[in-house]
Amino acid sequence: MLQRELIEKIKKSVYDWAKQYPHVELSLVEVYPSGIGDNVHVIVVAKKGFENWRKIERQNDIADFIGKQLGDYIVVKIPILHAFTEEQYEKYEISREGAFA
């Protein structure tokens, strides 16, 4: 199972990433084990700042930053990294809940 320390390091990296963009205001950062090896899922939700930024571009930017921050610290795979506006996150949550109903 993934160590808590690594999860916290990834979370900190996301918040450090956001500091580069004064227009971005995060409302949620979730990092949790995927259940497969050392893979983690990352969900980033912004209250503001993502509206005019293509989802794939913001996700790639965050992933690149996390990779640079972790460096050779540890090998971790992030098969799922979502960067949502709050509206997109609400739709995602509704669709996830429906999948488990």
PDB file of N, CA and C in Angstrom:
ATOM      1  N   MET A   1       0.842  -1.199   0.000  1.00  0.00           N
ATOM      2  CA  MET A   1       0.000   0.000   0.000  1.00  0.00           C
ATOM      3  C   MET A   1       0.879   1.252   0.000  1.00  0.00           C
ATOM      4  N   LEU A   2       0.363   2.275  -0.600  1.00  0.00           N
ATOM      5  CA  LEU A   2       1.103   3.525  -0.731  1.00  0.00           C
ATOM      6  C   LEU A   2       1.296   4.187   0.629  1.00  0.00           C
ATOM      7  N   GLN A   3       2.454   4.741   0.841  1.00  0.00           N
ATOM      8  CA  GLN A   3       2.726   5.413   2.101  1.00  0.00           C
ATOM      9  C   GLN A   3       2.033   6.770   2.149  1.00  0.00           C
ATOM     10  N   ARG A   4       1.569   7.093   3.327  1.00  0.00           N
ATOM     11  CA  ARG A   4       0.895   8.380   3.559  1.00  0.00           C
ATOM     12  C   ARG A   4       1.795   9.550   3.154  1.00  0.00           C
ATOM     13  N   GLU A   5       3.085   9.387   3.397  1.00  0.00           N
ATOM     14  CA  GLU A   5       4.063  10.440   3.088  1.00  0.00           C
ATOM     15  C   GLU A   5       4.040  10.797   1.601  1.00  0.00           C
ATOM     16  N   LEU A   6       3.950   9.794   0.746  1.00  0.00           N
ATOM     17  CA  LEU A   6       3.917  10.039  -0.693  1.00  0.00           C
ATOM     18  C   LEU A   6       2.637  10.762  -1.096  1.00  0.00           C
ATOM     19  N   ILE A   7       1.520  10.345  -0.539  1.00  0.00           N
ATOM     20  CA  ILE A   7       0.241  11.002  -0.829  1.00  0.00           C
ATOM     21  C   ILE A   7       0.318  12.476  -0.445  1.00  0.00           C
ATOM     22  N   GLU A   8       0.876  12.751   0.735  1.00  0.00           N
ATOM     23  CA  GLU A   8       1.001  14.140   1.183  1.00  0.00           C
ATOM     24  C   GLU A   8       1.955  14.928   0.289  1.00  0.00           C
ATOM     25  N   LYS A   9       3.012  14.284  -0.182  1.00  0.00           N
ATOM     26  CA  LYS A   9       3.970  14.957  -1.072  1.00  0.00           C
ATOM     27  C   LYS A   9       3.304  15.322  -2.405  1.00  0.00           C
ATOM     28  N   ILE A  10       2.475  14.438  -2.923  1.00  0.00           N
ATOM     29  CA  ILE A  10       1.765  14.719  -4.172  1.00  0.00           C
ATOM     30  C   ILE A  10       0.776  15.868  -3.964  1.00  0.00           C
ATOM     31  N   LYS A  11       0.034  15.837  -2.851  1.00  0.00           N
ATOM     32  CA  LYS A  11      -0.902  16.935  -2.543  1.00  0.00           C
ATOM     33  C   LYS A  11      -0.161  18.261  -2.476  1.00  0.00           C
ATOM     34  N   LYS A  12       0.968  18.277  -1.761  1.00  0.00           N
ATOM     35  CA  LYS A  12       1.751  19.504  -1.633  1.00  0.00           C
ATOM     36  C   LYS A  12       2.219  19.981  -3.008  1.00  0.00           C
ATOM     37  N   SER A  13       2.615  19.040  -3.866  1.00  0.00           N
ATOM     38  CA  SER A  13       3.045  19.405  -5.215  1.00  0.00           C
ATOM     39  C   SER A  13       1.931  20.096  -5.989  1.00  0.00           C
ATOM     40  N   VAL A  14       0.688  19.612  -5.831  1.00  0.00           N
ATOM     41  CA  VAL A  14      -0.444  20.232  -6.522  1.00  0.00           C
ATOM     42  C   VAL A  14      -0.649  21.661  -6.018  1.00  0.00           C
ATOM     43  N   TYR A  15      -0.578  21.846  -4.695  1.00  0.00           N
ATOM     44  CA  TYR A  15      -0.734  23.201  -4.158  1.00  0.00           C
ATOM     45  C   TYR A  15       0.420  24.107  -4.594  1.00  0.00           C
ATOM     46  N   ASP A  16       1.633  23.556  -4.655  1.00  0.00           N
ATOM     47  CA  ASP A  16       2.777  24.328  -5.143  1.00  0.00           C
ATOM     48  C   ASP A  16       2.577  24.701  -6.611  1.00  0.00           C
ATOM     49  N   TRP A  17       2.040  23.762  -7.388  1.00  0.00           N
ATOM     50  CA  TRP A  17       1.742  24.029  -8.798  1.00  0.00           C
ATOM     51  C   TRP A  17       0.794  25.226  -8.913  1.00  0.00           C
ATOM     52  N   ALA A  18      -0.252  25.227  -8.091  1.00  0.00           N
ATOM     53  CA  ALA A  18      -1.271  26.279  -8.166  1.00  0.00           C
ATOM     54  C   ALA A  18      -0.697  27.661  -7.832  1.00  0.00           C
ATOM     55  N   LYS A  19       0.342  27.704  -7.010  1.00  0.00           N
ATOM     56  CA  LYS A  19       0.948  28.988  -6.634  1.00  0.00           C
ATOM     57  C   LYS A  19       1.537  29.712  -7.841  1.00  0.00           C
ATOM     58  N   GLN A  20       1.861  28.969  -8.900  1.00  0.00           N
ATOM     59  CA  GLN A  20       2.401  29.584 -10.121  1.00  0.00           C
ATOM     60  C   GLN A  20       1.355  30.393 -10.864  1.00  0.00           C
ATOM     61  N   TYR A  21       0.096  30.116 -10.588  1.00  0.00           N
ATOM     62  CA  TYR A  21      -1.018  30.714 -11.321  1.00  0.00           C
ATOM     63  C   TYR A  21      -1.910  31.492 -10.351  1.00  0.00           C
ATOM     64  N   PRO A  22      -1.654  32.781 -10.189  1.00  0.00           N
ATOM     65  CA  PRO A  22      -2.420  33.580  -9.231  1.00  0.00           C
ATOM     66  C   PRO A  22      -3.929  33.583  -9.508  1.00  0.00           C
ATOM     67  N   HIS A  23      -4.332  33.324 -10.745  1.00  0.00           N
ATOM     68  CA  HIS A  23      -5.755  33.327 -11.090  1.00  0.00           C
ATOM     69  C   HIS A  23      -6.448  32.014 -10.710  1.00  0.00           C
ATOM     70  N   VAL A  24      -5.673  30.991 -10.325  1.00  0.00           N
ATOM     71  CA  VAL A  24      -6.257  29.698  -9.970  1.00  0.00           C
ATOM     72  C   VAL A  24      -6.486  29.639  -8.462  1.00  0.00           C
ATOM     73  N   GLU A  25      -7.718  29.300  -8.089  1.00  0.00           N
ATOM     74  CA  GLU A  25      -8.070  29.116  -6.683  1.00  0.00           C
ATOM     75  C   GLU A  25      -8.631  27.699  -6.520  1.00  0.00           C
ATOM     76  N   LEU A  26      -7.855  26.843  -5.866  1.00  0.00           N
ATOM     77  CA  LEU A  26      -8.270  25.457  -5.689  1.00  0.00           C
ATOM     78  C   LEU A  26      -9.308  25.343  -4.582  1.00  0.00           C
ATOM     79  N   SER A  27     -10.267  24.442  -4.772  1.00  0.00           N
ATOM     80  CA  SER A  27     -11.251  24.177  -3.731  1.00  0.00           C
ATOM     81  C   SER A  27     -11.133  22.753  -3.194  1.00  0.00           C
ATOM     82  N   LEU A  28     -10.440  21.864  -3.948  1.00  0.00           N
ATOM     83  CA  LEU A  28     -10.309  20.479  -3.505  1.00  0.00           C
ATOM     84  C   LEU A  28      -9.109  19.826  -4.183  1.00  0.00           C
ATOM     85  N   VAL A  29      -8.333  19.093  -3.402  1.00  0.00           N
ATOM     86  CA  VAL A  29      -7.274  18.241  -3.942  1.00  0.00           C
ATOM     87  C   VAL A  29      -7.395  16.897  -3.240  1.00  0.00           C
ATOM     88  N   GLU A  30      -7.662  15.862  -4.015  1.00  0.00           N
ATOM     89  CA  GLU A  30      -7.752  14.507  -3.483  1.00  0.00           C
ATOM     90  C   GLU A  30      -6.661  13.664  -4.117  1.00  0.00           C
ATOM     91  N   VAL A  31      -5.947  12.924  -3.298  1.00  0.00           N
ATOM     92  CA  VAL A  31      -4.957  11.962  -3.777  1.00  0.00           C
ATOM     93  C   VAL A  31      -5.224  10.691  -2.995  1.00  0.00           C
ATOM     94  N   TYR A  32      -5.469   9.606  -3.727  1.00  0.00           N
ATOM     95  CA  TYR A  32      -5.776   8.359  -3.028  1.00  0.00           C
ATOM     96  C   TYR A  32      -5.268   7.166  -3.832  1.00  0.00           C
ATOM     97  N   PRO A  33      -4.931   6.084  -3.126  1.00  0.00           N
ATOM     98  CA  PRO A  33      -4.439   4.878  -3.814  1.00  0.00           C
ATOM     99  C   PRO A  33      -5.500   4.331  -4.757  1.00  0.00           C
ATOM    100  N   SER A  34      -5.048   3.826  -5.897  1.00  0.00           N
ATOM    101  CA  SER A  34      -5.985   3.263  -6.873  1.00  0.00           C
ATOM    102  C   SER A  34      -6.361   1.833  -6.514  1.00  0.00           C
ATOM    103  N   GLY A  35      -5.553   1.212  -5.660  1.00  0.00           N
ATOM    104  CA  GLY A  35      -5.777  -0.188  -5.313  1.00  0.00           C
ATOM    105  C   GLY A  35      -4.891  -1.132  -6.106  1.00  0.00           C
ATOM    106  N   ILE A  36      -4.123  -0.579  -7.038  1.00  0.00           N
ATOM    107  CA  ILE A  36      -3.222  -1.392  -7.861  1.00  0.00           C
ATOM    108  C   ILE A  36      -1.796  -0.893  -7.645  1.00  0.00           C
ATOM    109  N   GLY A  37      -0.999  -1.665  -6.979  1.00  0.00           N
ATOM    110  CA  GLY A  37       0.395  -1.295  -6.737  1.00  0.00           C
ATOM    111  C   GLY A  37       0.532   0.072  -6.103  1.00  0.00           C
ATOM    112  N   ASP A  38       1.484   0.839  -6.600  1.00  0.00           N
ATOM    113  CA  ASP A  38       1.722   2.190  -6.095  1.00  0.00           C
ATOM    114  C   ASP A  38       1.035   3.255  -6.945  1.00  0.00           C
ATOM    115  N   ASN A  39       0.007   2.862  -7.674  1.00  0.00           N
ATOM    116  CA  ASN A  39      -0.743   3.821  -8.490  1.00  0.00           C
ATOM    117  C   ASN A  39      -1.641   4.677  -7.609  1.00  0.00           C
ATOM    118  N   VAL A  40      -1.768   5.943  -7.984  1.00  0.00           N
ATOM    119  CA  VAL A  40      -2.675   6.850  -7.275  1.00  0.00           C
ATOM    120  C   VAL A  40      -3.567   7.567  -8.270  1.00  0.00           C
ATOM    121  N   HIS A  41      -4.696   7.998  -7.779  1.00  0.00           N
ATOM    122  CA  HIS A  41      -5.595   8.851  -8.547  1.00  0.00           C
ATOM    123  C   HIS A  41      -5.532  10.236  -7.916  1.00  0.00           C
ATOM    124  N   VAL A  42      -5.571  11.244  -8.770  1.00  0.00           N
ATOM    125  CA  VAL A  42      -5.501  12.629  -8.302  1.00  0.00           C
ATOM    126  C   VAL A  42      -6.677  13.388  -8.895  1.00  0.00           C
ATOM    127  N   ILE A  43      -7.399  14.093  -8.028  1.00  0.00           N
ATOM    128  CA  ILE A  43      -8.496  14.957  -8.466  1.00  0.00           C
ATOM    129  C   ILE A  43      -8.213  16.364  -7.950  1.00  0.00           C
ATOM    130  N   VAL A  44      -8.210  17.311  -8.869  1.00  0.00           N
ATOM    131  CA  VAL A  44      -7.968  18.715  -8.545  1.00  0.00           C
ATOM    132  C   VAL A  44      -9.194  19.495  -9.007  1.00  0.00           C
ATOM    133  N   VAL A  45      -9.775  20.268  -8.090  1.00  0.00           N
ATOM    134  CA  VAL A  45     -10.954  21.066  -8.420  1.00  0.00           C
ATOM    135  C   VAL A  45     -10.632  22.524  -8.116  1.00  0.00           C
ATOM    136  N   ALA A  46     -10.930  23.395  -9.073  1.00  0.00           N
ATOM    137  CA  ALA A  46     -10.674  24.822  -8.900  1.00  0.00           C
ATOM    138  C   ALA A  46     -11.978  25.591  -8.803  1.00  0.00           C
ATOM    139  N   LYS A  47     -12.039  26.443  -7.811  1.00  0.00           N
ATOM    140  CA  LYS A  47     -13.170  27.353  -7.667  1.00  0.00           C
ATOM    141  C   LYS A  47     -13.155  28.366  -8.803  1.00  0.00           C
ATOM    142  N   LYS A  48     -11.937  28.770  -9.189  1.00  0.00           N
ATOM    143  CA  LYS A  48     -11.788  29.667 -10.328  1.00  0.00           C
ATOM    144  C   LYS A  48     -10.418  29.461 -10.951  1.00  0.00           C
ATOM    145  N   GLY A  49     -10.310  29.849 -12.213  1.00  0.00           N
ATOM    146  CA  GLY A  49      -9.040  29.792 -12.911  1.00  0.00           C
ATOM    147  C   GLY A  49      -8.947  28.730 -13.994  1.00  0.00           C
ATOM    148  N   PHE A  50      -9.889  27.770 -14.020  1.00  0.00           N
ATOM    149  CA  PHE A  50      -9.853  26.718 -15.032  1.00  0.00           C
ATOM    150  C   PHE A  50     -10.833  26.969 -16.175  1.00  0.00           C
ATOM    151  N   GLU A  51     -11.668  27.988 -16.054  1.00  0.00           N
ATOM    152  CA  GLU A  51     -12.765  28.204 -16.994  1.00  0.00           C
ATOM    153  C   GLU A  51     -12.324  28.290 -18.449  1.00  0.00           C
ATOM    154  N   ASN A  52     -11.235  28.975 -18.723  1.00  0.00           N
ATOM    155  CA  ASN A  52     -10.788  29.193 -20.105  1.00  0.00           C
ATOM    156  C   ASN A  52      -9.522  28.409 -20.433  1.00  0.00           C
ATOM    157  N   TRP A  53      -9.316  27.325 -19.723  1.00  0.00           N
ATOM    158  CA  TRP A  53      -8.125  26.517 -19.887  1.00  0.00           C
ATOM    159  C   TRP A  53      -8.573  25.103 -20.220  1.00  0.00           C
ATOM    160  N   ARG A  54      -8.190  24.606 -21.381  1.00  0.00           N
ATOM    161  CA  ARG A  54      -8.629  23.275 -21.806  1.00  0.00           C
ATOM    162  C   ARG A  54      -8.241  22.227 -20.770  1.00  0.00           C
ATOM    163  N   LYS A  55      -9.169  21.313 -20.503  1.00  0.00           N
ATOM    164  CA  LYS A  55      -8.972  20.315 -19.455  1.00  0.00           C
ATOM    165  C   LYS A  55      -7.696  19.507 -19.660  1.00  0.00           C
ATOM    166  N   ILE A  56      -7.453  19.041 -20.862  1.00  0.00           N
ATOM    167  CA  ILE A  56      -6.266  18.220 -21.122  1.00  0.00           C
ATOM    168  C   ILE A  56      -4.980  19.011 -20.874  1.00  0.00           C
ATOM    169  N   GLU A  57      -4.995  20.299 -21.195  1.00  0.00           N
ATOM    170  CA  GLU A  57      -3.808  21.124 -20.983  1.00  0.00           C
ATOM    171  C   GLU A  57      -3.527  21.340 -19.502  1.00  0.00           C
ATOM    172  N   ARG A  58      -4.573  21.594 -18.723  1.00  0.00           N
ATOM    173  CA  ARG A  58      -4.344  21.789 -17.280  1.00  0.00           C
ATOM    174  C   ARG A  58      -3.909  20.484 -16.636  1.00  0.00           C
ATOM    175  N   GLN A  59      -4.500  19.362 -17.067  1.00  0.00           N
ATOM    176  CA  GLN A  59      -4.116  18.060 -16.510  1.00  0.00           C
ATOM    177  C   GLN A  59      -2.657  17.743 -16.835  1.00  0.00           C
ATOM    178  N   ASN A  60      -2.247  17.980 -18.072  1.00  0.00           N
ATOM    179  CA  ASN A  60      -0.856  17.732 -18.457  1.00  0.00           C
ATOM    180  C   ASN A  60       0.101  18.630 -17.687  1.00  0.00           C
ATOM    181  N   ASP A  61      -0.281  19.884 -17.490  1.00  0.00           N
ATOM    182  CA  ASP A  61       0.559  20.829 -16.761  1.00  0.00           C
ATOM    183  C   ASP A  61       0.762  20.363 -15.319  1.00  0.00           C
ATOM    184  N   ILE A  62      -0.311  19.926 -14.683  1.00  0.00           N
ATOM    185  CA  ILE A  62      -0.224  19.432 -13.304  1.00  0.00           C
ATOM    186  C   ILE A  62       0.634  18.169 -13.255  1.00  0.00           C
ATOM    187  N   ALA A  63       0.386  17.236 -14.165  1.00  0.00           N
ATOM    188  CA  ALA A  63       1.142  15.977 -14.183  1.00  0.00           C
ATOM    189  C   ALA A  63       2.635  16.236 -14.374  1.00  0.00           C
ATOM    190  N   ASP A  64       2.990  17.131 -15.295  1.00  0.00           N
ATOM    191  CA  ASP A  64       4.399  17.464 -15.524  1.00  0.00           C
ATOM    192  C   ASP A  64       5.028  18.050 -14.270  1.00  0.00           C
ATOM    193  N   PHE A  65       4.298  18.931 -13.604  1.00  0.00           N
ATOM    194  CA  PHE A  65       4.816  19.571 -12.400  1.00  0.00           C
ATOM    195  C   PHE A  65       5.039  18.537 -11.295  1.00  0.00           C
ATOM    196  N   ILE A  66       4.066  17.650 -11.094  1.00  0.00           N
ATOM    197  CA  ILE A  66       4.210  16.610 -10.067  1.00  0.00           C
ATOM    198  C   ILE A  66       5.434  15.752 -10.377  1.00  0.00           C
ATOM    199  N   GLY A  67       5.589  15.368 -11.637  1.00  0.00           N
ATOM    200  CA  GLY A  67       6.744  14.560 -12.029  1.00  0.00           C
ATOM    201  C   GLY A  67       8.063  15.240 -11.702  1.00  0.00           C
ATOM    202  N   LYS A  68       8.154  16.529 -11.961  1.00  0.00           N
ATOM    203  CA  LYS A  68       9.383  17.279 -11.667  1.00  0.00           C
ATOM    204  C   LYS A  68       9.600  17.394 -10.159  1.00  0.00           C
ATOM    205  N   GLN A  69       8.511  17.594  -9.411  1.00  0.00           N
ATOM    206  CA  GLN A  69       8.621  17.726  -7.962  1.00  0.00           C
ATOM    207  C   GLN A  69       9.086  16.424  -7.312  1.00  0.00           C
ATOM    208  N   LEU A  70       8.540  15.308  -7.771  1.00  0.00           N
ATOM    209  CA  LEU A  70       8.900  14.026  -7.181  1.00  0.00           C
ATOM    210  C   LEU A  70      10.268  13.565  -7.647  1.00  0.00           C
ATOM    211  N   GLY A  71      10.621  13.913  -8.893  1.00  0.00           N
ATOM    212  CA  GLY A  71      11.914  13.516  -9.441  1.00  0.00           C
ATOM    213  C   GLY A  71      12.125  12.018  -9.282  1.00  0.00           C
ATOM    214  N   ASP A  72      13.280  11.658  -8.802  1.00  0.00           N
ATOM    215  CA  ASP A  72      13.599  10.251  -8.586  1.00  0.00           C
ATOM    216  C   ASP A  72      13.222   9.799  -7.184  1.00  0.00           C
ATOM    217  N   TYR A  73      12.481  10.637  -6.468  1.00  0.00           N
ATOM    218  CA  TYR A  73      12.086  10.345  -5.085  1.00  0.00           C
ATOM    219  C   TYR A  73      11.465   8.962  -4.975  1.00  0.00           C
ATOM    220  N   ILE A  74      10.555   8.683  -5.862  1.00  0.00           N
ATOM    221  CA  ILE A  74       9.881   7.388  -5.851  1.00  0.00           C
ATOM    222  C   ILE A  74       9.171   7.212  -7.186  1.00  0.00           C
ATOM    223  N   VAL A  75       9.026   5.992  -7.594  1.00  0.00           N
ATOM    224  CA  VAL A  75       8.292   5.713  -8.826  1.00  0.00           C
ATOM    225  C   VAL A  75       6.826   5.581  -8.459  1.00  0.00           C
ATOM    226  N   VAL A  76       6.015   6.422  -9.025  1.00  0.00           N
ATOM    227  CA  VAL A  76       4.575   6.374  -8.776  1.00  0.00           C
ATOM    228  C   VAL A  76       3.875   6.589 -10.108  1.00  0.00           C
ATOM    229  N   LYS A  77       2.820   5.877 -10.307  1.00  0.00           N
ATOM    230  CA  LYS A  77       2.036   6.044 -11.524  1.00  0.00           C
ATOM    231  C   LYS A  77       0.722   6.706 -11.158  1.00  0.00           C
ATOM    232  N   ILE A  78       0.317   7.645 -12.006  1.00  0.00           N
ATOM    233  CA  ILE A  78      -0.948   8.352 -11.804  1.00  0.00           C
ATOM    234  C   ILE A  78      -1.806   8.070 -13.038  1.00  0.00           C
ATOM    235  N   PRO A  79      -2.517   6.930 -13.033  1.00  0.00           N
ATOM    236  CA  PRO A  79      -3.320   6.596 -14.207  1.00  0.00           C
ATOM    237  C   PRO A  79      -4.518   7.518 -14.400  1.00  0.00           C
ATOM    238  N   ILE A  80      -4.982   8.128 -13.307  1.00  0.00           N
ATOM    239  CA  ILE A  80      -6.100   9.065 -13.412  1.00  0.00           C
ATOM    240  C   ILE A  80      -5.720  10.364 -12.718  1.00  0.00           C
ATOM    241  N   LEU A  81      -5.757  11.459 -13.491  1.00  0.00           N
ATOM    242  CA  LEU A  81      -5.559  12.793 -12.946  1.00  0.00           C
ATOM    243  C   LEU A  81      -6.613  13.671 -13.604  1.00  0.00           C
ATOM    244  N   HIS A  82      -7.559  14.120 -12.802  1.00  0.00           N
ATOM    245  CA  HIS A  82      -8.604  15.012 -13.305  1.00  0.00           C
ATOM    246  C   HIS A  82      -8.358  16.409 -12.766  1.00  0.00           C
ATOM    247  N   ALA A  83      -8.566  17.394 -13.602  1.00  0.00           N
ATOM    248  CA  ALA A  83      -8.501  18.796 -13.187  1.00  0.00           C
ATOM    249  C   ALA A  83      -9.820  19.432 -13.608  1.00  0.00           C
ATOM    250  N   PHE A  84     -10.709  19.578 -12.650  1.00  0.00           N
ATOM    251  CA  PHE A  84     -12.075  20.009 -12.907  1.00  0.00           C
ATOM    252  C   PHE A  84     -12.342  21.442 -12.450  1.00  0.00           C
ATOM    253  N   THR A  85     -13.269  22.099 -13.132  1.00  0.00           N
ATOM    254  CA  THR A  85     -13.922  23.269 -12.547  1.00  0.00           C
ATOM    255  C   THR A  85     -14.924  22.683 -11.543  1.00  0.00           C
ATOM    256  N   GLU A  86     -15.477  23.499 -10.684  1.00  0.00           N
ATOM    257  CA  GLU A  86     -16.454  22.974  -9.724  1.00  0.00           C
ATOM    258  C   GLU A  86     -17.674  22.394 -10.438  1.00  0.00           C
ATOM    259  N   GLU A  87     -18.100  23.019 -11.523  1.00  0.00           N
ATOM    260  CA  GLU A  87     -19.247  22.530 -12.290  1.00  0.00           C
ATOM    261  C   GLU A  87     -18.941  21.162 -12.911  1.00  0.00           C
ATOM    262  N   GLN A  88     -17.751  21.012 -13.487  1.00  0.00           N
ATOM    263  CA  GLN A  88     -17.358  19.730 -14.066  1.00  0.00           C
ATOM    264  C   GLN A  88     -17.283  18.642 -12.989  1.00  0.00           C
ATOM    265  N   TYR A  89     -16.785  19.019 -11.823  1.00  0.00           N
ATOM    266  CA  TYR A  89     -16.659  18.059 -10.723  1.00  0.00           C
ATOM    267  C   TYR A  89     -18.032  17.575 -10.253  1.00  0.00           C
ATOM    268  N   GLU A  90     -18.988  18.483 -10.173  1.00  0.00           N
ATOM    269  CA  GLU A  90     -20.347  18.092  -9.776  1.00  0.00           C
ATOM    270  C   GLU A  90     -20.911  17.047 -10.742  1.00  0.00           C
ATOM    271  N   LYS A  91     -20.735  17.269 -12.041  1.00  0.00           N
ATOM    272  CA  LYS A  91     -21.216  16.306 -13.042  1.00  0.00           C
ATOM    273  C   LYS A  91     -20.482  14.971 -12.906  1.00  0.00           C
ATOM    274  N   TYR A  92     -19.184  15.028 -12.643  1.00  0.00           N
ATOM    275  CA  TYR A  92     -18.377  13.821 -12.460  1.00  0.00           C
ATOM    276  C   TYR A  92     -18.878  13.028 -11.255  1.00  0.00           C
ATOM    277  N   GLU A  93     -19.119  13.722 -10.154  1.00  0.00           N
ATOM    278  CA  GLU A  93     -19.598  13.062  -8.936  1.00  0.00           C
ATOM    279  C   GLU A  93     -20.963  12.403  -9.167  1.00  0.00           C
ATOM    280  N   ILE A  94     -21.850  13.092  -9.859  1.00  0.00           N
ATOM    281  CA  ILE A  94     -23.182  12.533 -10.147  1.00  0.00           C
ATOM    282  C   ILE A  94     -23.049  11.280 -11.006  1.00  0.00           C
ATOM    283  N   SER A  95     -22.173  11.324 -12.006  1.00  0.00           N
ATOM    284  CA  SER A  95     -22.005  10.153 -12.877  1.00  0.00           C
ATOM    285  C   SER A  95     -21.343   8.999 -12.114  1.00  0.00           C
ATOM    286  N   ARG A  96     -20.425   9.302 -11.201  1.00  0.00           N
ATOM    287  CA  ARG A  96     -19.787   8.255 -10.388  1.00  0.00           C
ATOM    288  C   ARG A  96     -20.782   7.609  -9.449  1.00  0.00           C
ATOM    289  N   GLU A  97     -21.616   8.431  -8.830  1.00  0.00           N
ATOM    290  CA  GLU A  97     -22.626   7.904  -7.913  1.00  0.00           C
ATOM    291  C   GLU A  97     -23.608   7.009  -8.661  1.00  0.00           C
ATOM    292  N   GLY A  98     -23.976   7.403  -9.872  1.00  0.00           N
ATOM    293  CA  GLY A  98     -24.888   6.609 -10.677  1.00  0.00           C
ATOM    294  C   GLY A  98     -24.294   5.261 -11.059  1.00  0.00           C
ATOM    295  N   ALA A  99     -22.988   5.235 -11.230  1.00  0.00           N
ATOM    296  CA  ALA A  99     -22.313   3.992 -11.610  1.00  0.00           C
ATOM    297  C   ALA A  99     -22.312   2.976 -10.481  1.00  0.00           C
ATOM    298  N   PHE A 100     -22.405   3.467  -9.252  1.00  0.00           N
ATOM    299  CA  PHE A 100     -22.349   2.563  -8.088  1.00  0.00           C
ATOM    300  C   PHE A 100     -23.711   2.313  -7.474  1.00  0.00           C
ATOM    301  N   ALA A 101     -24.762   2.862  -8.084  1.00  0.00           N
ATOM    302  CA  ALA A 101     -26.116   2.703  -7.522  1.00  0.00           C
ATOM    303  C   ALA A 101     -26.686   1.326  -7.827  1.00  0.00           C
TER     304      ALA A 101
END
